[in-house]
Amino acid sequence: MMEEVAASLPSVRLVVGSPDRMRDLGRALAKLLRAGDLVMLTGELGAGKTTLTRGLGEGLGVRGAVTSPTFVIARVHPSLGDGPPLVHVDAYRLSGGLDEMEDLDLDVSLPESVIVVEWGEGRIEELTDDRLQIVIHRAVGDTTDEVRYVTLTGLGERWAGTDLSALSA
């Protein structure tokens, strides 16, 4: 179950009750994304970053199973239709900032792709002023270990007029 906890555009906080709902959130978010969008995911190991990205891939209609790119650093999932490809990056093993990220040519891919970077905080902020930051926290005291608090914040001109509260539906 997803319910809105607080909203003040361009930010919304959601409660996500299961991995299936996290995928649903990704599918819903995909409807708001377009080529040139950068999504930065933050959350501890097992928070649901890859599950959310899997839903994004389904919503964007891309080819290939979206799995954690931890050991390959980045995966490109081409669109099966006329939408943008999804570039899924896991910066967990990268120690440097944007300099190390430059080897991935994200600045070249950004205009025509949707780029999702897990563990990107402190590494990709210089890539663009326009990005969607998503922070995922596990619920403290949740006995099922499935409830997550997800905060989505749009930064920059791109997100200024976007109604993120629509994701709580």
N, C-alpha and C. Protein backbone atom coordinates (compact mmCIF):
# COMPACT_ATOMS: atom_id res chain seq x y z
N MET A 1 0.83 -1.17 0.00
CA MET A 1 0.00 0.00 0.00
C MET A 1 0.88 1.24 0.00
N MET A 2 0.56 2.20 -0.87
CA MET A 2 1.28 3.46 -0.90
C MET A 2 0.33 4.54 -0.42
N GLU A 3 0.79 5.33 0.52
CA GLU A 3 -0.01 6.45 0.96
C GLU A 3 0.89 7.66 1.09
N GLU A 4 0.31 8.81 0.82
CA GLU A 4 1.07 10.04 0.89
C GLU A 4 1.19 10.46 2.35
N VAL A 5 2.42 10.77 2.78
CA VAL A 5 2.65 11.20 4.15
C VAL A 5 2.68 12.72 4.21
N ALA A 6 3.39 13.35 3.31
CA ALA A 6 3.45 14.80 3.26
C ALA A 6 3.83 15.20 1.84
N ALA A 7 3.32 16.32 1.39
CA ALA A 7 3.64 16.77 0.06
C ALA A 7 3.74 18.28 0.01
N SER A 8 4.79 18.75 -0.57
CA SER A 8 4.93 20.15 -0.93
C SER A 8 5.79 20.16 -2.17
N LEU A 9 5.19 20.49 -3.27
CA LEU A 9 5.88 20.35 -4.55
C LEU A 9 7.16 21.13 -4.58
N PRO A 10 8.17 20.61 -5.25
CA PRO A 10 8.20 19.34 -5.97
C PRO A 10 8.76 18.20 -5.12
N SER A 11 8.16 17.93 -3.99
CA SER A 11 8.61 16.86 -3.13
C SER A 11 7.40 16.11 -2.59
N VAL A 12 7.55 14.82 -2.41
CA VAL A 12 6.48 14.00 -1.84
C VAL A 12 7.12 12.88 -1.03
N ARG A 13 6.48 12.53 0.07
CA ARG A 13 6.94 11.40 0.89
C ARG A 13 5.86 10.34 0.89
N LEU A 14 6.25 9.11 0.58
CA LEU A 14 5.31 8.00 0.45
C LEU A 14 5.68 6.88 1.40
N VAL A 15 4.68 6.11 1.81
CA VAL A 15 4.90 4.87 2.53
C VAL A 15 4.64 3.75 1.53
N VAL A 16 5.63 2.89 1.34
CA VAL A 16 5.52 1.79 0.38
C VAL A 16 5.57 0.50 1.19
N GLY A 17 4.50 -0.31 1.10
CA GLY A 17 4.33 -1.44 1.99
C GLY A 17 4.89 -2.78 1.57
N SER A 18 5.43 -2.89 0.35
CA SER A 18 5.94 -4.18 -0.09
C SER A 18 6.82 -4.00 -1.33
N PRO A 19 7.62 -5.02 -1.66
CA PRO A 19 8.41 -4.94 -2.90
C PRO A 19 7.54 -4.77 -4.14
N ASP A 20 6.37 -5.42 -4.17
CA ASP A 20 5.47 -5.26 -5.31
C ASP A 20 5.02 -3.82 -5.46
N ARG A 21 4.75 -3.16 -4.33
CA ARG A 21 4.35 -1.76 -4.36
C ARG A 21 5.51 -0.86 -4.77
N MET A 22 6.74 -1.25 -4.44
CA MET A 22 7.91 -0.48 -4.87
C MET A 22 8.02 -0.55 -6.38
N ARG A 23 7.78 -1.73 -6.95
CA ARG A 23 7.78 -1.86 -8.42
C ARG A 23 6.66 -1.04 -9.03
N ASP A 24 5.48 -1.05 -8.38
CA ASP A 24 4.36 -0.23 -8.85
C ASP A 24 4.74 1.24 -8.87
N LEU A 25 5.43 1.68 -7.82
CA LEU A 25 5.88 3.07 -7.76
C LEU A 25 6.82 3.37 -8.92
N GLY A 26 7.72 2.46 -9.22
CA GLY A 26 8.62 2.64 -10.36
C GLY A 26 7.87 2.74 -11.67
N ARG A 27 6.86 1.89 -11.86
CA ARG A 27 6.05 1.95 -13.08
C ARG A 27 5.32 3.28 -13.19
N ALA A 28 4.77 3.75 -12.07
CA ALA A 28 4.06 5.03 -12.07
C ALA A 28 5.03 6.18 -12.34
N LEU A 29 6.19 6.14 -11.74
CA LEU A 29 7.19 7.18 -11.93
C LEU A 29 7.65 7.24 -13.38
N ALA A 30 7.73 6.10 -14.04
CA ALA A 30 8.16 6.05 -15.44
C ALA A 30 7.29 6.93 -16.32
N LYS A 31 6.03 7.09 -15.97
CA LYS A 31 5.11 7.93 -16.76
C LYS A 31 5.50 9.39 -16.70
N LEU A 32 6.22 9.79 -15.66
CA LEU A 32 6.65 11.18 -15.52
C LEU A 32 8.02 11.45 -16.14
N LEU A 33 8.76 10.39 -16.42
CA LEU A 33 10.13 10.54 -16.90
C LEU A 33 10.19 10.69 -18.41
N ARG A 34 11.26 11.37 -18.86
CA ARG A 34 11.49 11.57 -20.29
C ARG A 34 13.00 11.58 -20.53
N ALA A 35 13.36 11.49 -21.78
CA ALA A 35 14.78 11.52 -22.14
C ALA A 35 15.41 12.77 -21.53
N GLY A 36 16.61 12.58 -20.98
CA GLY A 36 17.32 13.69 -20.35
C GLY A 36 17.16 13.74 -18.85
N ASP A 37 16.31 12.87 -18.29
CA ASP A 37 16.09 12.88 -16.85
C ASP A 37 17.15 12.05 -16.13
N LEU A 38 17.60 12.60 -15.00
CA LEU A 38 18.54 11.93 -14.13
C LEU A 38 17.85 11.67 -12.81
N VAL A 39 17.86 10.41 -12.38
CA VAL A 39 17.25 10.00 -11.11
C VAL A 39 18.37 9.49 -10.22
N MET A 40 18.48 10.06 -9.02
CA MET A 40 19.50 9.66 -8.07
C MET A 40 18.83 8.93 -6.91
N LEU A 41 19.20 7.65 -6.70
CA LEU A 41 18.61 6.83 -5.65
C LEU A 41 19.57 6.69 -4.47
N THR A 42 19.04 6.94 -3.28
CA THR A 42 19.83 6.82 -2.06
C THR A 42 19.07 5.94 -1.08
N GLY A 43 19.78 5.04 -0.42
CA GLY A 43 19.18 4.16 0.58
C GLY A 43 20.16 3.06 0.92
N GLU A 44 20.01 2.51 2.12
CA GLU A 44 20.94 1.47 2.55
C GLU A 44 20.78 0.21 1.69
N LEU A 45 21.72 -0.71 1.86
CA LEU A 45 21.64 -1.99 1.14
C LEU A 45 20.29 -2.64 1.43
N GLY A 46 19.65 -3.13 0.39
CA GLY A 46 18.37 -3.81 0.55
C GLY A 46 17.18 -2.90 0.74
N ALA A 47 17.36 -1.60 0.53
CA ALA A 47 16.26 -0.66 0.73
C ALA A 47 15.18 -0.76 -0.35
N GLY A 48 15.58 -1.18 -1.55
CA GLY A 48 14.61 -1.29 -2.64
C GLY A 48 14.96 -0.45 -3.86
N LYS A 49 16.19 0.02 -3.95
CA LYS A 49 16.60 0.86 -5.07
C LYS A 49 16.49 0.11 -6.40
N THR A 50 17.00 -1.11 -6.44
CA THR A 50 16.93 -1.89 -7.68
C THR A 50 15.50 -2.32 -7.97
N THR A 51 14.73 -2.62 -6.95
CA THR A 51 13.32 -2.98 -7.16
C THR A 51 12.56 -1.82 -7.78
N LEU A 52 12.81 -0.61 -7.30
CA LEU A 52 12.19 0.59 -7.88
C LEU A 52 12.63 0.75 -9.33
N THR A 53 13.92 0.55 -9.59
CA THR A 53 14.44 0.68 -10.95
C THR A 53 13.86 -0.39 -11.87
N ARG A 54 13.63 -1.58 -11.34
CA ARG A 54 13.00 -2.64 -12.13
C ARG A 54 11.61 -2.19 -12.60
N GLY A 55 10.86 -1.56 -11.70
CA GLY A 55 9.55 -1.01 -12.07
C GLY A 55 9.67 0.10 -13.10
N LEU A 56 10.69 0.94 -12.97
CA LEU A 56 10.93 1.99 -13.96
C LEU A 56 11.16 1.37 -15.34
N GLY A 57 12.00 0.34 -15.37
CA GLY A 57 12.26 -0.33 -16.64
C GLY A 57 11.01 -0.91 -17.26
N GLU A 58 10.15 -1.51 -16.43
CA GLU A 58 8.88 -2.04 -16.94
C GLU A 58 8.01 -0.92 -17.46
N GLY A 59 7.95 0.18 -16.72
CA GLY A 59 7.12 1.31 -17.14
C GLY A 59 7.64 2.00 -18.39
N LEU A 60 8.95 2.03 -18.55
CA LEU A 60 9.55 2.64 -19.74
C LEU A 60 9.52 1.70 -20.94
N GLY A 61 9.27 0.42 -20.70
CA GLY A 61 9.22 -0.56 -21.79
C GLY A 61 10.59 -0.81 -22.39
N VAL A 62 11.56 -1.13 -21.53
CA VAL A 62 12.91 -1.37 -22.03
C VAL A 62 13.20 -2.87 -22.11
N ARG A 63 14.23 -3.19 -22.87
CA ARG A 63 14.64 -4.57 -23.07
C ARG A 63 15.57 -5.02 -21.96
N GLY A 64 15.44 -6.26 -21.59
CA GLY A 64 16.36 -6.86 -20.63
C GLY A 64 15.86 -6.76 -19.21
N ALA A 65 16.26 -7.74 -18.43
CA ALA A 65 15.90 -7.74 -17.02
C ALA A 65 16.72 -6.70 -16.28
N VAL A 66 16.07 -5.85 -15.51
CA VAL A 66 16.77 -4.85 -14.72
C VAL A 66 17.23 -5.51 -13.43
N THR A 67 18.54 -5.66 -13.32
CA THR A 67 19.15 -6.24 -12.12
C THR A 67 20.20 -5.27 -11.61
N SER A 68 20.69 -5.52 -10.43
CA SER A 68 21.69 -4.64 -9.85
C SER A 68 22.97 -4.67 -10.69
N PRO A 69 23.45 -3.50 -11.10
CA PRO A 69 24.68 -3.46 -11.90
C PRO A 69 25.93 -3.27 -11.04
N THR A 70 25.90 -3.74 -9.80
CA THR A 70 27.00 -3.50 -8.86
C THR A 70 28.36 -3.88 -9.44
N PHE A 71 28.48 -5.02 -10.07
CA PHE A 71 29.78 -5.48 -10.52
C PHE A 71 30.14 -5.03 -11.92
N VAL A 72 29.15 -4.62 -12.71
CA VAL A 72 29.45 -4.09 -14.04
C VAL A 72 29.37 -2.57 -14.05
N ILE A 73 28.95 -1.96 -12.97
CA ILE A 73 28.81 -0.53 -12.74
C ILE A 73 27.63 0.07 -13.49
N ALA A 74 27.45 -0.25 -14.78
CA ALA A 74 26.34 0.34 -15.54
C ALA A 74 25.80 -0.64 -16.57
N ARG A 75 24.50 -0.58 -16.76
CA ARG A 75 23.83 -1.37 -17.80
C ARG A 75 22.94 -0.43 -18.61
N VAL A 76 22.91 -0.66 -19.91
CA VAL A 76 22.02 0.10 -20.78
C VAL A 76 20.91 -0.83 -21.22
N HIS A 77 19.67 -0.38 -21.03
CA HIS A 77 18.49 -1.14 -21.45
C HIS A 77 17.79 -0.35 -22.56
N PRO A 78 17.96 -0.79 -23.82
CA PRO A 78 17.33 -0.08 -24.93
C PRO A 78 15.81 -0.17 -24.85
N SER A 79 15.15 0.83 -25.40
CA SER A 79 13.70 0.85 -25.44
C SER A 79 13.19 -0.16 -26.45
N LEU A 80 12.09 -0.82 -26.11
CA LEU A 80 11.44 -1.74 -27.05
C LEU A 80 10.45 -0.99 -27.94
N GLY A 81 10.23 0.29 -27.66
CA GLY A 81 9.31 1.10 -28.44
C GLY A 81 9.98 2.39 -28.86
N ASP A 82 9.23 3.48 -28.70
CA ASP A 82 9.77 4.77 -29.11
C ASP A 82 10.23 5.62 -27.92
N GLY A 83 10.30 5.03 -26.74
CA GLY A 83 10.72 5.75 -25.55
C GLY A 83 12.23 5.77 -25.41
N PRO A 84 12.70 6.45 -24.37
CA PRO A 84 14.15 6.53 -24.15
C PRO A 84 14.71 5.25 -23.56
N PRO A 85 15.99 4.98 -23.80
CA PRO A 85 16.64 3.86 -23.12
C PRO A 85 16.83 4.19 -21.65
N LEU A 86 17.01 3.16 -20.85
CA LEU A 86 17.30 3.31 -19.43
C LEU A 86 18.75 2.95 -19.21
N VAL A 87 19.49 3.87 -18.59
CA VAL A 87 20.87 3.60 -18.19
C VAL A 87 20.84 3.46 -16.67
N HIS A 88 21.19 2.28 -16.18
CA HIS A 88 21.12 1.97 -14.75
C HIS A 88 22.55 1.85 -14.23
N VAL A 89 22.91 2.74 -13.31
CA VAL A 89 24.28 2.81 -12.80
C VAL A 89 24.26 2.51 -11.31
N ASP A 90 25.24 1.74 -10.86
CA ASP A 90 25.44 1.51 -9.44
C ASP A 90 26.82 2.04 -9.09
N ALA A 91 26.86 3.17 -8.39
CA ALA A 91 28.12 3.83 -8.08
C ALA A 91 28.70 3.37 -6.75
N TYR A 92 28.16 2.31 -6.16
CA TYR A 92 28.59 1.84 -4.84
C TYR A 92 30.09 1.58 -4.78
N ARG A 93 30.63 0.95 -5.81
CA ARG A 93 32.04 0.57 -5.79
C ARG A 93 32.96 1.67 -6.30
N LEU A 94 32.40 2.78 -6.74
CA LEU A 94 33.22 3.88 -7.23
C LEU A 94 33.61 4.78 -6.07
N SER A 95 34.88 5.04 -5.93
CA SER A 95 35.35 5.83 -4.79
C SER A 95 35.43 7.31 -5.11
N GLY A 96 35.60 7.65 -6.37
CA GLY A 96 35.75 9.04 -6.76
C GLY A 96 34.42 9.72 -7.01
N GLY A 97 34.50 10.99 -7.31
CA GLY A 97 33.31 11.78 -7.62
C GLY A 97 33.02 11.73 -9.10
N LEU A 98 32.67 12.88 -9.65
CA LEU A 98 32.29 12.95 -11.05
C LEU A 98 33.43 12.54 -11.98
N ASP A 99 34.69 12.76 -11.55
CA ASP A 99 35.82 12.37 -12.40
C ASP A 99 35.75 10.89 -12.76
N GLU A 100 35.50 10.05 -11.77
CA GLU A 100 35.41 8.61 -12.01
C GLU A 100 34.15 8.27 -12.80
N MET A 101 33.08 9.01 -12.56
CA MET A 101 31.82 8.79 -13.28
C MET A 101 31.96 9.18 -14.75
N GLU A 102 32.87 10.12 -15.06
CA GLU A 102 33.05 10.56 -16.45
C GLU A 102 33.45 9.42 -17.36
N ASP A 103 34.13 8.42 -16.82
CA ASP A 103 34.52 7.27 -17.64
C ASP A 103 33.30 6.54 -18.18
N LEU A 104 32.15 6.72 -17.55
CA LEU A 104 30.92 6.06 -18.00
C LEU A 104 30.21 6.86 -19.09
N ASP A 105 30.69 8.07 -19.38
CA ASP A 105 30.10 8.95 -20.41
C ASP A 105 28.62 9.24 -20.16
N LEU A 106 28.26 9.41 -18.90
CA LEU A 106 26.87 9.71 -18.59
C LEU A 106 26.42 11.03 -19.19
N ASP A 107 27.34 11.99 -19.28
CA ASP A 107 26.98 13.28 -19.86
C ASP A 107 26.61 13.13 -21.33
N VAL A 108 27.19 12.16 -22.02
CA VAL A 108 26.88 11.89 -23.41
C VAL A 108 25.53 11.18 -23.53
N SER A 109 25.26 10.25 -22.61
CA SER A 109 24.02 9.47 -22.65
C SER A 109 22.82 10.24 -22.16
N LEU A 110 23.02 11.22 -21.28
CA LEU A 110 21.92 11.90 -20.61
C LEU A 110 20.88 12.51 -21.55
N PRO A 111 21.24 13.23 -22.61
CA PRO A 111 20.20 13.88 -23.41
C PRO A 111 19.17 12.93 -24.03
N GLU A 112 19.58 11.70 -24.36
CA GLU A 112 18.64 10.78 -25.02
C GLU A 112 18.15 9.65 -24.13
N SER A 113 18.60 9.60 -22.88
CA SER A 113 18.28 8.48 -21.99
C SER A 113 17.65 8.96 -20.69
N VAL A 114 17.06 8.01 -19.98
CA VAL A 114 16.74 8.20 -18.57
C VAL A 114 17.86 7.50 -17.83
N ILE A 115 18.56 8.24 -16.97
CA ILE A 115 19.68 7.67 -16.23
C ILE A 115 19.29 7.57 -14.77
N VAL A 116 19.43 6.36 -14.21
CA VAL A 116 19.17 6.11 -12.80
C VAL A 116 20.48 5.70 -12.17
N VAL A 117 20.88 6.43 -11.11
CA VAL A 117 22.15 6.15 -10.44
C VAL A 117 21.87 5.80 -8.98
N GLU A 118 22.19 4.56 -8.63
CA GLU A 118 22.14 4.14 -7.23
C GLU A 118 23.45 4.55 -6.58
N TRP A 119 23.38 4.98 -5.34
CA TRP A 119 24.56 5.40 -4.58
C TRP A 119 25.25 6.58 -5.25
N GLY A 120 24.50 7.46 -5.87
CA GLY A 120 25.08 8.58 -6.61
C GLY A 120 25.35 9.82 -5.79
N GLU A 121 24.85 9.87 -4.57
CA GLU A 121 25.02 11.06 -3.74
C GLU A 121 26.50 11.37 -3.55
N GLY A 122 26.86 12.63 -3.80
CA GLY A 122 28.25 13.05 -3.70
C GLY A 122 29.08 12.70 -4.91
N ARG A 123 28.45 12.11 -5.93
CA ARG A 123 29.19 11.66 -7.12
C ARG A 123 28.67 12.26 -8.41
N ILE A 124 27.37 12.54 -8.49
CA ILE A 124 26.81 12.94 -9.79
C ILE A 124 26.13 14.30 -9.79
N GLU A 125 26.13 14.98 -8.67
CA GLU A 125 25.40 16.25 -8.59
C GLU A 125 25.88 17.27 -9.63
N GLU A 126 27.14 17.21 -10.00
CA GLU A 126 27.70 18.15 -10.97
C GLU A 126 27.27 17.84 -12.40
N LEU A 127 26.67 16.68 -12.63
CA LEU A 127 26.26 16.28 -13.97
C LEU A 127 25.17 17.18 -14.52
N THR A 128 24.21 17.55 -13.66
CA THR A 128 23.12 18.43 -14.06
C THR A 128 22.44 19.01 -12.82
N ASP A 129 21.92 20.21 -12.97
CA ASP A 129 21.15 20.83 -11.88
C ASP A 129 19.75 20.24 -11.79
N ASP A 130 19.29 19.65 -12.89
CA ASP A 130 17.94 19.07 -12.96
C ASP A 130 18.02 17.58 -12.68
N ARG A 131 17.48 17.17 -11.54
CA ARG A 131 17.48 15.74 -11.22
C ARG A 131 16.36 15.45 -10.23
N LEU A 132 16.00 14.20 -10.18
CA LEU A 132 15.03 13.72 -9.21
C LEU A 132 15.79 12.90 -8.19
N GLN A 133 15.76 13.36 -6.94
CA GLN A 133 16.42 12.64 -5.87
C GLN A 133 15.38 11.79 -5.15
N ILE A 134 15.70 10.51 -4.97
CA ILE A 134 14.80 9.59 -4.28
C ILE A 134 15.58 8.96 -3.14
N VAL A 135 15.06 9.15 -1.93
CA VAL A 135 15.69 8.58 -0.74
C VAL A 135 14.73 7.53 -0.18
N ILE A 136 15.25 6.33 0.06
CA ILE A 136 14.45 5.22 0.56
C ILE A 136 14.98 4.81 1.93
N HIS A 137 14.08 4.80 2.92
CA HIS A 137 14.44 4.37 4.28
C HIS A 137 13.55 3.20 4.69
N ARG A 138 14.14 2.24 5.38
CA ARG A 138 13.35 1.16 5.97
C ARG A 138 12.60 1.70 7.16
N ALA A 139 11.40 1.20 7.37
CA ALA A 139 10.61 1.60 8.53
C ALA A 139 11.21 0.96 9.78
N VAL A 140 11.45 1.77 10.80
CA VAL A 140 11.99 1.28 12.06
C VAL A 140 10.91 0.49 12.78
N GLY A 141 11.25 -0.71 13.24
CA GLY A 141 10.30 -1.53 13.99
C GLY A 141 9.33 -2.32 13.13
N ASP A 142 9.50 -2.28 11.80
CA ASP A 142 8.63 -3.06 10.92
C ASP A 142 9.03 -4.53 11.01
N THR A 143 8.14 -5.35 11.50
CA THR A 143 8.46 -6.76 11.71
C THR A 143 8.56 -7.54 10.41
N THR A 144 7.94 -7.06 9.33
CA THR A 144 8.01 -7.77 8.06
C THR A 144 9.20 -7.33 7.23
N ASP A 145 9.88 -6.24 7.63
CA ASP A 145 11.03 -5.72 6.91
C ASP A 145 10.68 -5.32 5.48
N GLU A 146 9.42 -4.95 5.22
CA GLU A 146 9.02 -4.58 3.87
C GLU A 146 8.62 -3.12 3.74
N VAL A 147 8.19 -2.47 4.81
CA VAL A 147 7.73 -1.09 4.72
C VAL A 147 8.90 -0.15 4.51
N ARG A 148 8.74 0.75 3.54
CA ARG A 148 9.76 1.75 3.22
C ARG A 148 9.12 3.13 3.20
N TYR A 149 9.91 4.13 3.60
CA TYR A 149 9.53 5.52 3.43
C TYR A 149 10.33 6.05 2.26
N VAL A 150 9.64 6.56 1.27
CA VAL A 150 10.29 7.02 0.05
C VAL A 150 10.02 8.51 -0.11
N THR A 151 11.08 9.28 -0.19
CA THR A 151 10.97 10.72 -0.40
C THR A 151 11.52 11.06 -1.78
N LEU A 152 10.67 11.66 -2.60
CA LEU A 152 11.06 12.07 -3.94
C LEU A 152 11.11 13.59 -3.97
N THR A 153 12.23 14.14 -4.43
CA THR A 153 12.40 15.58 -4.49
C THR A 153 12.92 15.96 -5.86
N GLY A 154 12.18 16.79 -6.55
CA GLY A 154 12.61 17.28 -7.85
C GLY A 154 13.45 18.53 -7.70
N LEU A 155 14.61 18.53 -8.33
CA LEU A 155 15.51 19.67 -8.28
C LEU A 155 15.69 20.26 -9.66
N GLY A 156 15.72 21.56 -9.73
CA GLY A 156 15.96 22.24 -10.99
C GLY A 156 14.69 22.58 -11.73
N GLU A 157 14.89 23.31 -12.80
CA GLU A 157 13.78 23.80 -13.61
C GLU A 157 12.91 22.68 -14.17
N ARG A 158 13.53 21.58 -14.56
CA ARG A 158 12.78 20.45 -15.14
C ARG A 158 11.66 19.98 -14.22
N TRP A 159 11.89 19.95 -12.93
CA TRP A 159 10.94 19.39 -11.98
C TRP A 159 10.05 20.43 -11.32
N ALA A 160 10.29 21.72 -11.57
CA ALA A 160 9.58 22.80 -10.88
C ALA A 160 8.06 22.67 -11.01
N GLY A 161 7.54 22.30 -12.14
CA GLY A 161 6.10 22.23 -12.33
C GLY A 161 5.53 20.83 -12.31
N THR A 162 6.29 19.86 -11.87
CA THR A 162 5.86 18.47 -11.90
C THR A 162 5.13 18.12 -10.60
N ASP A 163 3.96 17.53 -10.73
CA ASP A 163 3.15 17.15 -9.58
C ASP A 163 3.52 15.74 -9.14
N LEU A 164 4.49 15.65 -8.24
CA LEU A 164 4.92 14.34 -7.75
C LEU A 164 3.89 13.69 -6.85
N SER A 165 2.95 14.45 -6.32
CA SER A 165 1.93 13.87 -5.44
C SER A 165 1.03 12.90 -6.20
N ALA A 166 1.02 12.97 -7.51
CA ALA A 166 0.25 12.02 -8.32
C ALA A 166 0.75 10.59 -8.11
N LEU A 167 1.97 10.43 -7.64
CA LEU A 167 2.55 9.10 -7.42
C LEU A 167 1.95 8.40 -6.21
N SER A 168 1.24 9.13 -5.38
CA SER A 168 0.66 8.52 -4.18
C SER A 168 -0.64 7.80 -4.48
N ALA A 169 -1.12 7.91 -5.69
CA ALA A 169 -2.39 7.26 -6.06
C ALA A 169 -2.23 5.77 -6.21
